[in-house]
Every structure is written in structure tokens, then in C-alpha cells.
């Protein structure tokens, strides 16, 4: 991933606007354990990695119609590259890893 992919730089307002969801939705997803933004005082900050994960969560909930518990279950499953202990070079050639890796 590019430099700064995991750097928490986006505020909740910026993320909500870019995802076209309300602030309360992001807070609910956090409270339900789907995402864990960095907290500095009362403020939440999200990385590009978090935003990618949130886009995937939104797709699962809104387009695939999976409930929050189902999404939590899906996000907590062990991925094939974790089981097979793929080397980074092997992962870079993997279609599944390119789409879902490091989220």
C-alpha cells in the first residue's frame, strides 16, 4: 500500500460526506465494532484504510442487505492468505487479496 495508507487524517465529517452517510451512521458502526477510528480527545480520525473498509461495510449493509452482525462476522473471518501464510510477492498477484487485503 502507498505511504500514509494507515495514517489517521480524515475527520468524521469528511468521511461521512465522502461516503454519503450521516455522522450517526459512522458512530453506530463504531459502537457496533465494525470500525475503530483513532480517537484524539473527543475527535475521531480515519485513515484511507478505514475509509476503504467503511466503503466495503456500506456496500455489504446497503447493497447486499447484510445486517450488522453478519457484517461483523464476515469481517472477523480468517482470510485465506492468513491461513496459507502467503508471502507478500504471492499476495500481490492474488485477485482476492487485491480487493480485500489489508482492510
C-alpha atoms as a PDB file:
ATOM      1  CA  UNK A   1       0.000   0.000   0.000  1.00  0.00           C
ATOM      2  CA  UNK A   2       1.047   3.564  -0.568  1.00  0.00           C
ATOM      3  CA  UNK A   3       2.744   5.667   2.091  1.00  0.00           C
ATOM      4  CA  UNK A   4       0.281   7.030   4.650  1.00  0.00           C
ATOM      5  CA  UNK A   5      -2.461   4.483   3.928  1.00  0.00           C
ATOM      6  CA  UNK A   6      -2.953   3.890   7.645  1.00  0.00           C
ATOM      7  CA  UNK A   7      -2.325   7.487   8.733  1.00  0.00           C
ATOM      8  CA  UNK A   8      -5.444   8.817  10.554  1.00  0.00           C
ATOM      9  CA  UNK A   9      -6.038  12.171   8.858  1.00  0.00           C
ATOM     10  CA  UNK A  10      -9.744  12.365   7.939  1.00  0.00           C
ATOM     11  CA  UNK A  11     -12.360  13.731  10.340  1.00  0.00           C
ATOM     12  CA  UNK A  12     -15.710  12.042  10.801  1.00  0.00           C
ATOM     13  CA  UNK A  13     -17.400  14.852   8.864  1.00  0.00           C
ATOM     14  CA  UNK A  14     -15.132  14.437   5.845  1.00  0.00           C
ATOM     15  CA  UNK A  15     -15.580  10.660   5.872  1.00  0.00           C
ATOM     16  CA  UNK A  16     -19.357  10.868   6.251  1.00  0.00           C
ATOM     17  CA  UNK A  17     -19.577  13.291   3.338  1.00  0.00           C
ATOM     18  CA  UNK A  18     -17.340  11.200   1.081  1.00  0.00           C
ATOM     19  CA  UNK A  19     -19.337   8.034   1.851  1.00  0.00           C
ATOM     20  CA  UNK A  20     -22.693   9.833   1.670  1.00  0.00           C
ATOM     21  CA  UNK A  21     -23.753   8.607   5.111  1.00  0.00           C
ATOM     22  CA  UNK A  22     -24.685  10.610   8.180  1.00  0.00           C
ATOM     23  CA  UNK A  23     -22.395  11.097  11.150  1.00  0.00           C
ATOM     24  CA  UNK A  24     -24.684   8.980  13.316  1.00  0.00           C
ATOM     25  CA  UNK A  25     -24.217   6.023  10.949  1.00  0.00           C
ATOM     26  CA  UNK A  26     -20.447   6.113  11.416  1.00  0.00           C
ATOM     27  CA  UNK A  27     -20.867   6.399  15.178  1.00  0.00           C
ATOM     28  CA  UNK A  28     -23.225   3.405  15.202  1.00  0.00           C
ATOM     29  CA  UNK A  29     -20.813   1.344  13.114  1.00  0.00           C
ATOM     30  CA  UNK A  30     -18.061   2.251  15.564  1.00  0.00           C
ATOM     31  CA  UNK A  31     -20.214   1.407  18.587  1.00  0.00           C
ATOM     32  CA  UNK A  32     -21.111  -1.946  16.992  1.00  0.00           C
ATOM     33  CA  UNK A  33     -17.426  -2.735  16.498  1.00  0.00           C
ATOM     34  CA  UNK A  34     -17.235  -2.549  12.689  1.00  0.00           C
ATOM     35  CA  UNK A  35     -14.606   0.198  12.681  1.00  0.00           C
ATOM     36  CA  UNK A  36     -12.238   1.663  15.223  1.00  0.00           C
ATOM     37  CA  UNK A  37     -11.038   5.150  14.290  1.00  0.00           C
ATOM     38  CA  UNK A  38      -8.184   6.782  16.167  1.00  0.00           C
ATOM     39  CA  UNK A  39      -9.502   8.981  18.972  1.00  0.00           C
ATOM     40  CA  UNK A  40      -7.729  12.197  19.936  1.00  0.00           C
ATOM     41  CA  UNK A  41      -9.770  13.587  22.789  1.00  0.00           C
ATOM     42  CA  UNK A  42     -13.370  13.571  21.575  1.00  0.00           C
ATOM     43  CA  UNK A  43     -12.393  13.668  17.904  1.00  0.00           C
ATOM     44  CA  UNK A  44     -12.322  10.672  15.590  1.00  0.00           C
ATOM     45  CA  UNK A  45      -9.766  10.401  12.801  1.00  0.00           C
ATOM     46  CA  UNK A  46      -9.881   7.891   9.971  1.00  0.00           C
ATOM     47  CA  UNK A  47      -7.162   6.627   7.655  1.00  0.00           C
ATOM     48  CA  UNK A  48      -7.537   5.812   3.953  1.00  0.00           C
ATOM     49  CA  UNK A  49      -7.550   2.172   5.062  1.00  0.00           C
ATOM     50  CA  UNK A  50     -10.506   2.915   7.383  1.00  0.00           C
ATOM     51  CA  UNK A  51     -12.342   4.674   4.555  1.00  0.00           C
ATOM     52  CA  UNK A  52     -11.833   1.668   2.255  1.00  0.00           C
ATOM     53  CA  UNK A  53     -13.140  -0.615   4.989  1.00  0.00           C
ATOM     54  CA  UNK A  54     -16.143   1.674   5.515  1.00  0.00           C
ATOM     55  CA  UNK A  55     -16.914   1.626   1.787  1.00  0.00           C
ATOM     56  CA  UNK A  56     -16.952  -2.175   1.963  1.00  0.00           C
ATOM     57  CA  UNK A  57     -19.151  -2.112   5.101  1.00  0.00           C
ATOM     58  CA  UNK A  58     -21.577   0.276   3.414  1.00  0.00           C
ATOM     59  CA  UNK A  59     -21.778  -1.987   0.350  1.00  0.00           C
ATOM     60  CA  UNK A  60     -22.453  -5.056   2.498  1.00  0.00           C
ATOM     61  CA  UNK A  61     -25.176  -3.321   4.513  1.00  0.00           C
ATOM     62  CA  UNK A  62     -26.893  -1.258   1.840  1.00  0.00           C
ATOM     63  CA  UNK A  63     -26.412  -3.228  -1.387  1.00  0.00           C
ATOM     64  CA  UNK A  64     -26.037  -6.806  -0.166  1.00  0.00           C
ATOM     65  CA  UNK A  65     -28.597  -6.231   2.635  1.00  0.00           C
ATOM     66  CA  UNK A  66     -26.440  -7.945   5.293  1.00  0.00           C
ATOM     67  CA  UNK A  67     -27.182  -6.918   8.873  1.00  0.00           C
ATOM     68  CA  UNK A  68     -24.526  -5.506  11.200  1.00  0.00           C
ATOM     69  CA  UNK A  69     -23.945  -8.811  12.998  1.00  0.00           C
ATOM     70  CA  UNK A  70     -23.478 -10.546   9.646  1.00  0.00           C
ATOM     71  CA  UNK A  71     -21.001  -7.890   8.558  1.00  0.00           C
ATOM     72  CA  UNK A  72     -19.092  -8.259  11.849  1.00  0.00           C
ATOM     73  CA  UNK A  73     -18.920 -11.983  11.285  1.00  0.00           C
ATOM     74  CA  UNK A  74     -17.687 -11.558   7.720  1.00  0.00           C
ATOM     75  CA  UNK A  75     -15.046  -9.026   8.721  1.00  0.00           C
ATOM     76  CA  UNK A  76     -13.755 -11.226  11.530  1.00  0.00           C
ATOM     77  CA  UNK A  77     -13.271 -14.354   9.430  1.00  0.00           C
ATOM     78  CA  UNK A  78      -9.785 -15.595   8.780  1.00  0.00           C
ATOM     79  CA  UNK A  79      -8.685 -14.830   5.263  1.00  0.00           C
ATOM     80  CA  UNK A  80      -7.045 -17.384   3.004  1.00  0.00           C
ATOM     81  CA  UNK A  81      -3.679 -15.570   2.955  1.00  0.00           C
ATOM     82  CA  UNK A  82      -3.614 -15.723   6.765  1.00  0.00           C
ATOM     83  CA  UNK A  83      -4.176 -19.478   6.703  1.00  0.00           C
ATOM     84  CA  UNK A  84      -1.794 -20.205   3.828  1.00  0.00           C
ATOM     85  CA  UNK A  85       0.836 -17.742   5.106  1.00  0.00           C
ATOM     86  CA  UNK A  86       1.320 -16.292   1.622  1.00  0.00           C
ATOM     87  CA  UNK A  87       4.420 -14.251   1.050  1.00  0.00           C
ATOM     88  CA  UNK A  88       3.949 -10.588   0.043  1.00  0.00           C
ATOM     89  CA  UNK A  89       5.013 -11.371  -3.544  1.00  0.00           C
ATOM     90  CA  UNK A  90       2.330 -14.078  -3.799  1.00  0.00           C
ATOM     91  CA  UNK A  91      -0.287 -11.744  -2.331  1.00  0.00           C
ATOM     92  CA  UNK A  92       0.441  -9.027  -4.872  1.00  0.00           C
ATOM     93  CA  UNK A  93      -0.592 -11.415  -7.661  1.00  0.00           C
ATOM     94  CA  UNK A  94      -3.767 -12.569  -5.885  1.00  0.00           C
ATOM     95  CA  UNK A  95      -7.116 -11.192  -7.144  1.00  0.00           C
ATOM     96  CA  UNK A  96      -8.820 -11.677  -3.781  1.00  0.00           C
ATOM     97  CA  UNK A  97      -6.011 -10.033  -1.826  1.00  0.00           C
ATOM     98  CA  UNK A  98      -6.003  -7.047  -4.195  1.00  0.00           C
ATOM     99  CA  UNK A  99      -9.687  -6.498  -3.491  1.00  0.00           C
ATOM    100  CA  UNK A 100      -9.902  -7.315   0.229  1.00  0.00           C
ATOM    101  CA  UNK A 101      -6.366  -7.428   1.618  1.00  0.00           C
ATOM    102  CA  UNK A 102      -5.208  -5.204   4.486  1.00  0.00           C
ATOM    103  CA  UNK A 103      -8.727  -3.921   5.238  1.00  0.00           C
END
